[in-house]
Amino acid sequence: MEMFFPGYSGSHITTVNYVHVINLKTGKTTGGLDKAEVYFYQIPDEVIQNLIKEGIVFNVAGGLLLEHPLILPLVEAVIGSSDSVMGLPKALTEKLIQEALTEEEF
């Protein structure tokens, strides 16, 4: 974790997700990409050490927990959706499910 957080500090990260949906009844498939960016203010070393000591950051990809009370105030901006940052973009997933359920072929 100590190698991830200094790279986030005063910088940004980009997450990219691909969701693929298959209608098992019809065989119709659809998929799509979703990207989100998170911009951070400077992250103090004390915050990094507290996150590491707490240990929860070891349970998530890249140690990235936007909603964590120590991290949230250090997030300057999120471009895209926070659920995409967490790994499953809800709006895209719902859209693809609806597409997979339609009878028309593309």
PDB file of N, CA and C in Angstrom:
ATOM      1  N   MET A   1       0.815  -1.186   0.000  1.00  0.00           N
ATOM      2  CA  MET A   1       0.000   0.000   0.000  1.00  0.00           C
ATOM      3  C   MET A   1       0.860   1.252   0.000  1.00  0.00           C
ATOM      4  N   GLU A   2       1.985   1.172   0.675  1.00  0.00           N
ATOM      5  CA  GLU A   2       2.838   2.350   0.734  1.00  0.00           C
ATOM      6  C   GLU A   2       3.295   2.781  -0.649  1.00  0.00           C
ATOM      7  N   MET A   3       3.295   1.857  -1.607  1.00  0.00           N
ATOM      8  CA  MET A   3       3.702   2.247  -2.953  1.00  0.00           C
ATOM      9  C   MET A   3       2.544   2.839  -3.751  1.00  0.00           C
ATOM     10  N   PHE A   4       1.292   2.505  -3.404  1.00  0.00           N
ATOM     11  CA  PHE A   4       0.148   3.043  -4.132  1.00  0.00           C
ATOM     12  C   PHE A   4      -0.161   4.484  -3.737  1.00  0.00           C
ATOM     13  N   PHE A   5      -0.322   4.730  -2.451  1.00  0.00           N
ATOM     14  CA  PHE A   5      -0.819   6.017  -1.987  1.00  0.00           C
ATOM     15  C   PHE A   5       0.045   7.213  -2.367  1.00  0.00           C
ATOM     16  N   PRO A   6       1.358   7.138  -2.267  1.00  0.00           N
ATOM     17  CA  PRO A   6       2.142   8.302  -2.714  1.00  0.00           C
ATOM     18  C   PRO A   6       1.901   8.629  -4.191  1.00  0.00           C
ATOM     19  N   GLY A   7       1.621   7.626  -4.989  1.00  0.00           N
ATOM     20  CA  GLY A   7       1.312   7.860  -6.398  1.00  0.00           C
ATOM     21  C   GLY A   7      -0.033   8.540  -6.605  1.00  0.00           C
ATOM     22  N   TYR A   8      -0.963   8.336  -5.676  1.00  0.00           N
ATOM     23  CA  TYR A   8      -2.277   8.975  -5.752  1.00  0.00           C
ATOM     24  C   TYR A   8      -2.210  10.438  -5.309  1.00  0.00           C
ATOM     25  N   SER A   9      -1.321  10.723  -4.387  1.00  0.00           N
ATOM     26  CA  SER A   9      -1.240  12.028  -3.742  1.00  0.00           C
ATOM     27  C   SER A   9      -0.981  13.152  -4.747  1.00  0.00           C
ATOM     28  N   GLY A  10      -1.917  14.096  -4.808  1.00  0.00           N
ATOM     29  CA  GLY A  10      -1.787  15.224  -5.712  1.00  0.00           C
ATOM     30  C   GLY A  10      -1.912  14.844  -7.174  1.00  0.00           C
ATOM     31  N   SER A  11      -2.419  13.666  -7.439  1.00  0.00           N
ATOM     32  CA  SER A  11      -2.493  13.158  -8.804  1.00  0.00           C
ATOM     33  C   SER A  11      -3.884  12.577  -9.049  1.00  0.00           C
ATOM     34  N   HIS A  12      -3.971  11.666  -9.998  1.00  0.00           N
ATOM     35  CA  HIS A  12      -5.262  11.033 -10.266  1.00  0.00           C
ATOM     36  C   HIS A  12      -5.061   9.587 -10.712  1.00  0.00           C
ATOM     37  N   ILE A  13      -6.145   8.841 -10.631  1.00  0.00           N
ATOM     38  CA  ILE A  13      -6.160   7.455 -11.105  1.00  0.00           C
ATOM     39  C   ILE A  13      -7.329   7.308 -12.068  1.00  0.00           C
ATOM     40  N   THR A  14      -7.228   6.314 -12.919  1.00  0.00           N
ATOM     41  CA  THR A  14      -8.311   5.989 -13.840  1.00  0.00           C
ATOM     42  C   THR A  14      -8.674   4.527 -13.651  1.00  0.00           C
ATOM     43  N   THR A  15      -9.955   4.250 -13.537  1.00  0.00           N
ATOM     44  CA  THR A  15     -10.412   2.863 -13.490  1.00  0.00           C
ATOM     45  C   THR A  15     -11.172   2.575 -14.774  1.00  0.00           C
ATOM     46  N   VAL A  16     -11.008   1.366 -15.279  1.00  0.00           N
ATOM     47  CA  VAL A  16     -11.704   0.945 -16.491  1.00  0.00           C
ATOM     48  C   VAL A  16     -12.389  -0.384 -16.189  1.00  0.00           C
ATOM     49  N   ASN A  17     -13.678  -0.445 -16.466  1.00  0.00           N
ATOM     50  CA  ASN A  17     -14.462  -1.662 -16.251  1.00  0.00           C
ATOM     51  C   ASN A  17     -15.082  -2.100 -17.568  1.00  0.00           C
ATOM     52  N   TYR A  18     -15.182  -3.397 -17.748  1.00  0.00           N
ATOM     53  CA  TYR A  18     -15.930  -3.947 -18.872  1.00  0.00           C
ATOM     54  C   TYR A  18     -17.007  -4.850 -18.291  1.00  0.00           C
ATOM     55  N   VAL A  19     -18.233  -4.631 -18.723  1.00  0.00           N
ATOM     56  CA  VAL A  19     -19.359  -5.449 -18.272  1.00  0.00           C
ATOM     57  C   VAL A  19     -19.899  -6.187 -19.491  1.00  0.00           C
ATOM     58  N   HIS A  20     -20.096  -7.481 -19.328  1.00  0.00           N
ATOM     59  CA  HIS A  20     -20.636  -8.313 -20.406  1.00  0.00           C
ATOM     60  C   HIS A  20     -21.861  -9.035 -19.861  1.00  0.00           C
ATOM     61  N   VAL A  21     -22.977  -8.915 -20.581  1.00  0.00           N
ATOM     62  CA  VAL A  21     -24.239  -9.516 -20.143  1.00  0.00           C
ATOM     63  C   VAL A  21     -24.686 -10.522 -21.195  1.00  0.00           C
ATOM     64  N   ILE A  22     -25.113 -11.687 -20.728  1.00  0.00           N
ATOM     65  CA  ILE A  22     -25.617 -12.736 -21.615  1.00  0.00           C
ATOM     66  C   ILE A  22     -27.029 -13.104 -21.177  1.00  0.00           C
ATOM     67  N   ASN A  23     -27.962 -13.057 -22.106  1.00  0.00           N
ATOM     68  CA  ASN A  23     -29.314 -13.535 -21.850  1.00  0.00           C
ATOM     69  C   ASN A  23     -29.279 -15.044 -22.085  1.00  0.00           C
ATOM     70  N   LEU A  24     -29.332 -15.819 -21.030  1.00  0.00           N
ATOM     71  CA  LEU A  24     -29.201 -17.273 -21.145  1.00  0.00           C
ATOM     72  C   LEU A  24     -30.373 -17.919 -21.883  1.00  0.00           C
ATOM     73  N   LYS A  25     -31.514 -17.256 -21.899  1.00  0.00           N
ATOM     74  CA  LYS A  25     -32.681 -17.799 -22.598  1.00  0.00           C
ATOM     75  C   LYS A  25     -32.549 -17.635 -24.114  1.00  0.00           C
ATOM     76  N   THR A  26     -32.102 -16.459 -24.550  1.00  0.00           N
ATOM     77  CA  THR A  26     -32.044 -16.177 -25.991  1.00  0.00           C
ATOM     78  C   THR A  26     -30.641 -16.285 -26.572  1.00  0.00           C
ATOM     79  N   GLY A  27     -29.635 -16.247 -25.710  1.00  0.00           N
ATOM     80  CA  GLY A  27     -28.253 -16.264 -26.185  1.00  0.00           C
ATOM     81  C   GLY A  27     -27.727 -14.901 -26.586  1.00  0.00           C
ATOM     82  N   LYS A  28     -28.574 -13.884 -26.513  1.00  0.00           N
ATOM     83  CA  LYS A  28     -28.150 -12.532 -26.886  1.00  0.00           C
ATOM     84  C   LYS A  28     -27.111 -12.023 -25.894  1.00  0.00           C
ATOM     85  N   THR A  29     -26.040 -11.430 -26.424  1.00  0.00           N
ATOM     86  CA  THR A  29     -24.993 -10.880 -25.565  1.00  0.00           C
ATOM     87  C   THR A  29     -24.785  -9.407 -25.893  1.00  0.00           C
ATOM     88  N   THR A  30     -24.341  -8.682 -24.916  1.00  0.00           N
ATOM     89  CA  THR A  30     -24.010  -7.271 -25.092  1.00  0.00           C
ATOM     90  C   THR A  30     -22.971  -6.900 -24.042  1.00  0.00           C
ATOM     91  N   GLY A  31     -22.200  -5.891 -24.331  1.00  0.00           N
ATOM     92  CA  GLY A  31     -21.167  -5.485 -23.392  1.00  0.00           C
ATOM     93  C   GLY A  31     -20.769  -4.045 -23.602  1.00  0.00           C
ATOM     94  N   GLY A  32     -20.052  -3.510 -22.644  1.00  0.00           N
ATOM     95  CA  GLY A  32     -19.610  -2.127 -22.760  1.00  0.00           C
ATOM     96  C   GLY A  32     -18.555  -1.766 -21.741  1.00  0.00           C
ATOM     97  N   LEU A  33     -17.812  -0.712 -22.061  1.00  0.00           N
ATOM     98  CA  LEU A  33     -16.757  -0.189 -21.195  1.00  0.00           C
ATOM     99  C   LEU A  33     -17.259   1.005 -20.403  1.00  0.00           C
ATOM    100  N   ASP A  34     -16.700   1.185 -19.217  1.00  0.00           N
ATOM    101  CA  ASP A  34     -16.974   2.366 -18.420  1.00  0.00           C
ATOM    102  C   ASP A  34     -15.668   2.809 -17.783  1.00  0.00           C
ATOM    103  N   LYS A  35     -15.424   4.101 -17.812  1.00  0.00           N
ATOM    104  CA  LYS A  35     -14.189   4.649 -17.256  1.00  0.00           C
ATOM    105  C   LYS A  35     -14.537   5.712 -16.230  1.00  0.00           C
ATOM    106  N   ALA A  36     -13.773   5.767 -15.163  1.00  0.00           N
ATOM    107  CA  ALA A  36     -13.931   6.817 -14.159  1.00  0.00           C
ATOM    108  C   ALA A  36     -12.543   7.305 -13.755  1.00  0.00           C
ATOM    109  N   GLU A  37     -12.475   8.565 -13.357  1.00  0.00           N
ATOM    110  CA  GLU A  37     -11.219   9.141 -12.897  1.00  0.00           C
ATOM    111  C   GLU A  37     -11.435   9.744 -11.520  1.00  0.00           C
ATOM    112  N   VAL A  38     -10.425   9.619 -10.674  1.00  0.00           N
ATOM    113  CA  VAL A  38     -10.468  10.209  -9.344  1.00  0.00           C
ATOM    114  C   VAL A  38      -9.240  11.098  -9.197  1.00  0.00           C
ATOM    115  N   TYR A  39      -9.478  12.357  -8.842  1.00  0.00           N
ATOM    116  CA  TYR A  39      -8.401  13.321  -8.619  1.00  0.00           C
ATOM    117  C   TYR A  39      -8.265  13.554  -7.120  1.00  0.00           C
ATOM    118  N   PHE A  40      -7.023  13.504  -6.648  1.00  0.00           N
ATOM    119  CA  PHE A  40      -6.748  13.622  -5.218  1.00  0.00           C
ATOM    120  C   PHE A  40      -5.985  14.903  -4.898  1.00  0.00           C
ATOM    121  N   TYR A  41      -6.281  15.448  -3.719  1.00  0.00           N
ATOM    122  CA  TYR A  41      -5.414  16.472  -3.138  1.00  0.00           C
ATOM    123  C   TYR A  41      -4.177  15.739  -2.606  1.00  0.00           C
ATOM    124  N   GLN A  42      -3.253  16.470  -2.035  1.00  0.00           N
ATOM    125  CA  GLN A  42      -2.091  15.839  -1.409  1.00  0.00           C
ATOM    126  C   GLN A  42      -2.570  14.946  -0.254  1.00  0.00           C
ATOM    127  N   ILE A  43      -2.032  13.747  -0.185  1.00  0.00           N
ATOM    128  CA  ILE A  43      -2.393  12.813   0.888  1.00  0.00           C
ATOM    129  C   ILE A  43      -1.242  12.802   1.889  1.00  0.00           C
ATOM    130  N   PRO A  44      -1.477  13.310   3.103  1.00  0.00           N
ATOM    131  CA  PRO A  44      -0.407  13.357   4.105  1.00  0.00           C
ATOM    132  C   PRO A  44       0.097  11.956   4.476  1.00  0.00           C
ATOM    133  N   ASP A  45       1.383  11.861   4.769  1.00  0.00           N
ATOM    134  CA  ASP A  45       1.979  10.586   5.170  1.00  0.00           C
ATOM    135  C   ASP A  45       1.259   9.984   6.374  1.00  0.00           C
ATOM    136  N   GLU A  46       0.812  10.839   7.288  1.00  0.00           N
ATOM    137  CA  GLU A  46       0.103  10.358   8.485  1.00  0.00           C
ATOM    138  C   GLU A  46      -1.179   9.614   8.098  1.00  0.00           C
ATOM    139  N   VAL A  47      -1.895  10.112   7.104  1.00  0.00           N
ATOM    140  CA  VAL A  47      -3.121   9.458   6.636  1.00  0.00           C
ATOM    141  C   VAL A  47      -2.774   8.107   6.023  1.00  0.00           C
ATOM    142  N   ILE A  48      -1.730   8.067   5.217  1.00  0.00           N
ATOM    143  CA  ILE A  48      -1.297   6.810   4.602  1.00  0.00           C
ATOM    144  C   ILE A  48      -0.957   5.785   5.674  1.00  0.00           C
ATOM    145  N   GLN A  49      -0.202   6.189   6.671  1.00  0.00           N
ATOM    146  CA  GLN A  49       0.183   5.265   7.744  1.00  0.00           C
ATOM    147  C   GLN A  49      -1.031   4.791   8.538  1.00  0.00           C
ATOM    148  N   ASN A  50      -1.989   5.683   8.791  1.00  0.00           N
ATOM    149  CA  ASN A  50      -3.207   5.290   9.516  1.00  0.00           C
ATOM    150  C   ASN A  50      -4.040   4.294   8.714  1.00  0.00           C
ATOM    151  N   LEU A  51      -4.129   4.498   7.401  1.00  0.00           N
ATOM    152  CA  LEU A  51      -4.869   3.557   6.552  1.00  0.00           C
ATOM    153  C   LEU A  51      -4.207   2.182   6.550  1.00  0.00           C
ATOM    154  N   ILE A  52      -2.895   2.171   6.487  1.00  0.00           N
ATOM    155  CA  ILE A  52      -2.160   0.904   6.503  1.00  0.00           C
ATOM    156  C   ILE A  52      -2.331   0.208   7.848  1.00  0.00           C
ATOM    157  N   LYS A  53      -2.230   0.975   8.924  1.00  0.00           N
ATOM    158  CA  LYS A  53      -2.387   0.413  10.271  1.00  0.00           C
ATOM    159  C   LYS A  53      -3.793  -0.163  10.457  1.00  0.00           C
ATOM    160  N   GLU A  54      -4.790   0.536   9.926  1.00  0.00           N
ATOM    161  CA  GLU A  54      -6.179   0.081  10.026  1.00  0.00           C
ATOM    162  C   GLU A  54      -6.386  -1.241   9.278  1.00  0.00           C
ATOM    163  N   GLY A  55      -5.723  -1.392   8.133  1.00  0.00           N
ATOM    164  CA  GLY A  55      -5.742  -2.657   7.414  1.00  0.00           C
ATOM    165  C   GLY A  55      -6.831  -2.855   6.378  1.00  0.00           C
ATOM    166  N   ILE A  56      -7.894  -2.071   6.416  1.00  0.00           N
ATOM    167  CA  ILE A  56      -9.008  -2.295   5.486  1.00  0.00           C
ATOM    168  C   ILE A  56      -8.590  -2.094   4.032  1.00  0.00           C
ATOM    169  N   VAL A  57      -7.588  -1.261   3.791  1.00  0.00           N
ATOM    170  CA  VAL A  57      -7.156  -0.996   2.412  1.00  0.00           C
ATOM    171  C   VAL A  57      -6.547  -2.229   1.750  1.00  0.00           C
ATOM    172  N   PHE A  58      -6.216  -3.236   2.531  1.00  0.00           N
ATOM    173  CA  PHE A  58      -5.663  -4.470   1.966  1.00  0.00           C
ATOM    174  C   PHE A  58      -6.750  -5.366   1.365  1.00  0.00           C
ATOM    175  N   ASN A  59      -8.004  -4.997   1.570  1.00  0.00           N
ATOM    176  CA  ASN A  59      -9.123  -5.803   1.081  1.00  0.00           C
ATOM    177  C   ASN A  59      -9.741  -5.276  -0.208  1.00  0.00           C
ATOM    178  N   VAL A  60      -9.169  -4.221  -0.779  1.00  0.00           N
ATOM    179  CA  VAL A  60      -9.723  -3.629  -1.999  1.00  0.00           C
ATOM    180  C   VAL A  60      -8.616  -3.396  -3.019  1.00  0.00           C
ATOM    181  N   ALA A  61      -8.990  -3.442  -4.287  1.00  0.00           N
ATOM    182  CA  ALA A  61      -8.008  -3.277  -5.364  1.00  0.00           C
ATOM    183  C   ALA A  61      -7.337  -1.911  -5.279  1.00  0.00           C
ATOM    184  N   GLY A  62      -6.033  -1.907  -5.270  1.00  0.00           N
ATOM    185  CA  GLY A  62      -5.283  -0.658  -5.232  1.00  0.00           C
ATOM    186  C   GLY A  62      -5.399   0.102  -3.932  1.00  0.00           C
ATOM    187  N   GLY A  63      -6.033  -0.510  -2.920  1.00  0.00           N
ATOM    188  CA  GLY A  63      -6.206   0.163  -1.639  1.00  0.00           C
ATOM    189  C   GLY A  63      -7.157   1.345  -1.702  1.00  0.00           C
ATOM    190  N   LEU A  64      -7.951   1.414  -2.752  1.00  0.00           N
ATOM    191  CA  LEU A  64      -8.766   2.592  -3.012  1.00  0.00           C
ATOM    192  C   LEU A  64     -10.171   2.453  -2.435  1.00  0.00           C
ATOM    193  N   LEU A  65     -10.444   3.203  -1.400  1.00  0.00           N
ATOM    194  CA  LEU A  65     -11.764   3.248  -0.757  1.00  0.00           C
ATOM    195  C   LEU A  65     -12.225   4.700  -0.717  1.00  0.00           C
ATOM    196  N   LEU A  66     -12.917   5.136  -1.740  1.00  0.00           N
ATOM    197  CA  LEU A  66     -13.332   6.541  -1.803  1.00  0.00           C
ATOM    198  C   LEU A  66     -14.164   6.963  -0.603  1.00  0.00           C
ATOM    199  N   GLU A  67     -15.006   6.058  -0.129  1.00  0.00           N
ATOM    200  CA  GLU A  67     -15.943   6.415   0.933  1.00  0.00           C
ATOM    201  C   GLU A  67     -15.320   6.405   2.325  1.00  0.00           C
ATOM    202  N   HIS A  68     -14.063   6.006   2.442  1.00  0.00           N
ATOM    203  CA  HIS A  68     -13.397   5.958   3.750  1.00  0.00           C
ATOM    204  C   HIS A  68     -13.267   7.377   4.309  1.00  0.00           C
ATOM    205  N   PRO A  69     -13.565   7.571   5.602  1.00  0.00           N
ATOM    206  CA  PRO A  69     -13.529   8.918   6.185  1.00  0.00           C
ATOM    207  C   PRO A  69     -12.157   9.603   6.115  1.00  0.00           C
ATOM    208  N   LEU A  70     -11.084   8.845   6.027  1.00  0.00           N
ATOM    209  CA  LEU A  70      -9.768   9.469   5.885  1.00  0.00           C
ATOM    210  C   LEU A  70      -9.469   9.859   4.437  1.00  0.00           C
ATOM    211  N   ILE A  71     -10.078   9.178   3.493  1.00  0.00           N
ATOM    212  CA  ILE A  71      -9.823   9.426   2.070  1.00  0.00           C
ATOM    213  C   ILE A  71     -10.788  10.456   1.485  1.00  0.00           C
ATOM    214  N   LEU A  72     -12.055  10.360   1.832  1.00  0.00           N
ATOM    215  CA  LEU A  72     -13.087  11.210   1.226  1.00  0.00           C
ATOM    216  C   LEU A  72     -12.734  12.703   1.211  1.00  0.00           C
ATOM    217  N   PRO A  73     -12.224  13.274   2.313  1.00  0.00           N
ATOM    218  CA  PRO A  73     -11.885  14.710   2.269  1.00  0.00           C
ATOM    219  C   PRO A  73     -10.708  15.028   1.337  1.00  0.00           C
ATOM    220  N   LEU A  74      -9.973  14.009   0.925  1.00  0.00           N
ATOM    221  CA  LEU A  74      -8.801  14.220   0.076  1.00  0.00           C
ATOM    222  C   LEU A  74      -9.103  13.995  -1.403  1.00  0.00           C
ATOM    223  N   VAL A  75     -10.365  13.685  -1.707  1.00  0.00           N
ATOM    224  CA  VAL A  75     -10.786  13.509  -3.098  1.00  0.00           C
ATOM    225  C   VAL A  75     -11.201  14.875  -3.635  1.00  0.00           C
ATOM    226  N   GLU A  76     -10.472  15.332  -4.635  1.00  0.00           N
ATOM    227  CA  GLU A  76     -10.775  16.630  -5.245  1.00  0.00           C
ATOM    228  C   GLU A  76     -11.965  16.521  -6.190  1.00  0.00           C
ATOM    229  N   ALA A  77     -11.990  15.459  -7.002  1.00  0.00           N
ATOM    230  CA  ALA A  77     -13.083  15.295  -7.966  1.00  0.00           C
ATOM    231  C   ALA A  77     -13.164  13.850  -8.422  1.00  0.00           C
ATOM    232  N   VAL A  78     -14.380  13.429  -8.760  1.00  0.00           N
ATOM    233  CA  VAL A  78     -14.606  12.128  -9.388  1.00  0.00           C
ATOM    234  C   VAL A  78     -15.287  12.411 -10.722  1.00  0.00           C
ATOM    235  N   ILE A  79     -14.647  11.982 -11.794  1.00  0.00           N
ATOM    236  CA  ILE A  79     -15.217  12.119 -13.130  1.00  0.00           C
ATOM    237  C   ILE A  79     -15.735  10.732 -13.500  1.00  0.00           C
ATOM    238  N   GLY A  80     -17.039  10.601 -13.586  1.00  0.00           N
ATOM    239  CA  GLY A  80     -17.657   9.292 -13.751  1.00  0.00           C
ATOM    240  C   GLY A  80     -18.401   8.966 -12.470  1.00  0.00           C
ATOM    241  N   SER A  81     -18.726   7.714 -12.290  1.00  0.00           N
ATOM    242  CA  SER A  81     -19.505   7.337 -11.106  1.00  0.00           C
ATOM    243  C   SER A  81     -18.636   6.632 -10.070  1.00  0.00           C
ATOM    244  N   SER A  82     -18.986   6.834  -8.810  1.00  0.00           N
ATOM    245  CA  SER A  82     -18.222   6.185  -7.743  1.00  0.00           C
ATOM    246  C   SER A  82     -18.398   4.671  -7.782  1.00  0.00           C
ATOM    247  N   ASP A  83     -19.565   4.183  -8.235  1.00  0.00           N
ATOM    248  CA  ASP A  83     -19.747   2.732  -8.326  1.00  0.00           C
ATOM    249  C   ASP A  83     -18.844   2.141  -9.410  1.00  0.00           C
ATOM    250  N   SER A  84     -18.520   2.917 -10.414  1.00  0.00           N
ATOM    251  CA  SER A  84     -17.564   2.454 -11.420  1.00  0.00           C
ATOM    252  C   SER A  84     -16.172   2.347 -10.806  1.00  0.00           C
ATOM    253  N   VAL A  85     -15.820   3.310  -9.959  1.00  0.00           N
ATOM    254  CA  VAL A  85     -14.529   3.255  -9.262  1.00  0.00           C
ATOM    255  C   VAL A  85     -14.474   2.011  -8.383  1.00  0.00           C
ATOM    256  N   MET A  86     -15.604   1.665  -7.773  1.00  0.00           N
ATOM    257  CA  MET A  86     -15.658   0.497  -6.891  1.00  0.00           C
ATOM    258  C   MET A  86     -15.667  -0.825  -7.648  1.00  0.00           C
ATOM    259  N   GLY A  87     -15.904  -0.786  -8.973  1.00  0.00           N
ATOM    260  CA  GLY A  87     -15.765  -2.009  -9.748  1.00  0.00           C
ATOM    261  C   GLY A  87     -16.948  -2.479 -10.557  1.00  0.00           C
ATOM    262  N   LEU A  88     -18.140  -1.927 -10.323  1.00  0.00           N
ATOM    263  CA  LEU A  88     -19.296  -2.342 -11.117  1.00  0.00           C
ATOM    264  C   LEU A  88     -20.171  -1.124 -11.410  1.00  0.00           C
ATOM    265  N   PRO A  89     -20.037  -0.573 -12.609  1.00  0.00           N
ATOM    266  CA  PRO A  89     -20.844   0.601 -12.961  1.00  0.00           C
ATOM    267  C   PRO A  89     -22.324   0.233 -13.099  1.00  0.00           C
ATOM    268  N   LYS A  90     -23.136   0.698 -12.161  1.00  0.00           N
ATOM    269  CA  LYS A  90     -24.550   0.316 -12.108  1.00  0.00           C
ATOM    270  C   LYS A  90     -25.328   0.749 -13.347  1.00  0.00           C
ATOM    271  N   ALA A  91     -25.151   1.994 -13.775  1.00  0.00           N
ATOM    272  CA  ALA A  91     -25.929   2.492 -14.919  1.00  0.00           C
ATOM    273  C   ALA A  91     -25.622   1.683 -16.173  1.00  0.00           C
ATOM    274  N   LEU A  92     -24.356   1.402 -16.419  1.00  0.00           N
ATOM    275  CA  LEU A  92     -23.988   0.601 -17.585  1.00  0.00           C
ATOM    276  C   LEU A  92     -24.557  -0.807 -17.467  1.00  0.00           C
ATOM    277  N   THR A  93     -24.451  -1.402 -16.295  1.00  0.00           N
ATOM    278  CA  THR A  93     -24.952  -2.761 -16.083  1.00  0.00           C
ATOM    279  C   THR A  93     -26.457  -2.832 -16.332  1.00  0.00           C
ATOM    280  N   GLU A  94     -27.202  -1.870 -15.781  1.00  0.00           N
ATOM    281  CA  GLU A  94     -28.653  -1.843 -15.995  1.00  0.00           C
ATOM    282  C   GLU A  94     -28.991  -1.663 -17.473  1.00  0.00           C
ATOM    283  N   LYS A  95     -28.265  -0.782 -18.160  1.00  0.00           N
ATOM    284  CA  LYS A  95     -28.491  -0.551 -19.594  1.00  0.00           C
ATOM    285  C   LYS A  95     -28.252  -1.829 -20.392  1.00  0.00           C
ATOM    286  N   LEU A  96     -27.169  -2.525 -20.083  1.00  0.00           N
ATOM    287  CA  LEU A  96     -26.837  -3.748 -20.811  1.00  0.00           C
ATOM    288  C   LEU A  96     -27.843  -4.867 -20.535  1.00  0.00           C
ATOM    289  N   ILE A  97     -28.318  -4.953 -19.309  1.00  0.00           N
ATOM    290  CA  ILE A  97     -29.350  -5.952 -18.987  1.00  0.00           C
ATOM    291  C   ILE A  97     -30.605  -5.673 -19.806  1.00  0.00           C
ATOM    292  N   GLN A  98     -31.011  -4.406 -19.863  1.00  0.00           N
ATOM    293  CA  GLN A  98     -32.191  -4.053 -20.665  1.00  0.00           C
ATOM    294  C   GLN A  98     -31.975  -4.387 -22.137  1.00  0.00           C
ATOM    295  N   GLU A  99     -30.779  -4.110 -22.660  1.00  0.00           N
ATOM    296  CA  GLU A  99     -30.475  -4.448 -24.057  1.00  0.00           C
ATOM    297  C   GLU A  99     -30.558  -5.954 -24.286  1.00  0.00           C
ATOM    298  N   ALA A 100     -30.034  -6.718 -23.341  1.00  0.00           N
ATOM    299  CA  ALA A 100     -30.034  -8.176 -23.488  1.00  0.00           C
ATOM    300  C   ALA A 100     -31.445  -8.751 -23.414  1.00  0.00           C
ATOM    301  N   LEU A 101     -32.344  -8.044 -22.765  1.00  0.00           N
ATOM    302  CA  LEU A 101     -33.721  -8.513 -22.631  1.00  0.00           C
ATOM    303  C   LEU A 101     -34.600  -8.150 -23.821  1.00  0.00           C
ATOM    304  N   THR A 102     -34.163  -7.207 -24.642  1.00  0.00           N
ATOM    305  CA  THR A 102     -34.983  -6.821 -25.797  1.00  0.00           C
ATOM    306  C   THR A 102     -34.938  -7.911 -26.855  1.00  0.00           C
ATOM    307  N   GLU A 103     -36.000  -7.997 -27.621  1.00  0.00           N
ATOM    308  CA  GLU A 103     -36.112  -9.033 -28.651  1.00  0.00           C
ATOM    309  C   GLU A 103     -35.400  -8.665 -29.944  1.00  0.00           C
ATOM    310  N   GLU A 104     -35.220  -7.359 -30.180  1.00  0.00           N
ATOM    311  CA  GLU A 104     -34.621  -6.953 -31.451  1.00  0.00           C
ATOM    312  C   GLU A 104     -33.138  -7.317 -31.498  1.00  0.00           C
ATOM    313  N   GLU A 105     -32.675  -7.630 -32.681  1.00  0.00           N
ATOM    314  CA  GLU A 105     -31.267  -7.964 -32.889  1.00  0.00           C
ATOM    315  C   GLU A 105     -30.549  -6.743 -33.433  1.00  0.00           C
ATOM    316  N   PHE A 106     -29.299  -6.606 -33.089  1.00  0.00           N
ATOM    317  CA  PHE A 106     -28.502  -5.470 -33.572  1.00  0.00           C
ATOM    318  C   PHE A 106     -27.749  -5.860 -34.814  1.00  0.00           C
TER     319      PHE A 106
END
